[in-house]
Amino acid sequence: MLNKIVNGQEVECSAEEEAEIRAEWDANDVLIAAQVAAAEAEAMAKESALSKLSALGLTEDEVKALLGVA
């Protein structure tokens, strides 16, 4: 069982409260996993694009200039 603080005292959560908290934790885990996957996909796409630009013969400075990176 999970505990909570009520009026400065630690008490056990009801089964309904615990189920609600655990469902919220599970939902947060799903959101975090989706955010991590999106960030990884973006990084892979950027790396792929940089690789393709280099394969076309652009120098690193040209790629940086194209992307507006100082």
Protein backbone atom coordinates (compact mmCIF):
# COMPACT_ATOMS: atom_id res chain seq x y z
CA MET A 1 0.00 0.00 0.00
CA LEU A 2 1.01 3.57 -0.59
CA ASN A 3 1.02 6.14 2.16
CA LYS A 4 0.16 9.82 2.16
CA ILE A 5 0.48 12.68 4.63
CA VAL A 6 -2.80 14.04 6.04
CA ASN A 7 -2.70 16.76 8.71
CA GLY A 8 0.93 15.96 9.39
CA GLN A 9 0.31 12.25 9.90
CA GLU A 10 1.20 9.38 7.59
CA VAL A 11 -1.83 7.30 6.62
CA GLU A 12 -2.42 4.53 4.10
CA CYS A 13 -4.08 5.36 0.81
CA SER A 14 -7.30 3.61 -0.02
CA ALA A 15 -7.26 0.99 -2.76
CA GLU A 16 -9.00 3.49 -5.08
CA GLU A 17 -6.45 6.22 -4.34
CA GLU A 18 -3.56 3.83 -4.90
CA ALA A 19 -5.03 2.62 -8.20
CA GLU A 20 -5.47 6.23 -9.34
CA ILE A 21 -1.90 7.14 -8.38
CA ARG A 22 -0.45 4.07 -10.08
CA ALA A 23 -2.48 4.76 -13.24
CA GLU A 24 -1.11 8.30 -13.27
CA TRP A 25 2.44 6.97 -12.88
CA ASP A 26 1.88 4.56 -15.78
CA ALA A 27 0.50 7.37 -17.95
CA ASN A 28 3.55 9.50 -17.11
CA ASP A 29 5.86 6.62 -18.04
CA VAL A 30 4.16 6.40 -21.44
CA LEU A 31 4.52 10.16 -22.00
CA ILE A 32 8.19 10.11 -21.03
CA ALA A 33 8.89 7.16 -23.33
CA ALA A 34 7.18 8.98 -26.21
CA GLN A 35 9.22 12.13 -25.57
CA VAL A 36 12.46 10.15 -25.46
CA ALA A 37 11.57 8.33 -28.67
CA ALA A 38 10.74 11.62 -30.41
CA ALA A 39 14.03 13.18 -29.29
CA GLU A 40 15.97 10.13 -30.49
CA ALA A 41 14.16 10.16 -33.84
CA GLU A 42 14.93 13.86 -34.28
CA ALA A 43 18.60 13.30 -33.48
CA MET A 44 18.79 10.40 -35.94
CA ALA A 45 17.10 12.47 -38.66
CA LYS A 46 19.52 15.34 -38.09
CA GLU A 47 22.52 13.01 -38.22
CA SER A 48 21.17 11.44 -41.41
CA ALA A 49 20.67 14.85 -43.01
CA LEU A 50 24.19 15.97 -42.07
CA SER A 51 25.61 12.75 -43.47
CA LYS A 52 23.72 13.22 -46.74
CA LEU A 53 24.88 16.82 -47.07
CA SER A 54 28.47 15.71 -46.49
CA ALA A 55 28.02 12.97 -49.09
CA LEU A 56 26.97 15.66 -51.57
CA GLY A 57 30.34 17.28 -51.07
CA LEU A 58 29.51 20.10 -48.67
CA THR A 59 32.20 20.94 -46.15
CA GLU A 60 31.47 21.09 -42.44
CA ASP A 61 31.60 24.91 -42.58
CA GLU A 62 29.13 24.97 -45.48
CA VAL A 63 26.75 22.69 -43.61
CA LYS A 64 26.99 24.91 -40.52
CA ALA A 65 26.34 27.99 -42.64
CA LEU A 66 23.36 26.32 -44.26
CA LEU A 67 21.89 25.41 -40.87
CA GLY A 68 22.68 28.80 -39.37
CA VAL A 69 24.96 27.31 -36.75
CA ALA A 70 27.84 29.49 -35.60
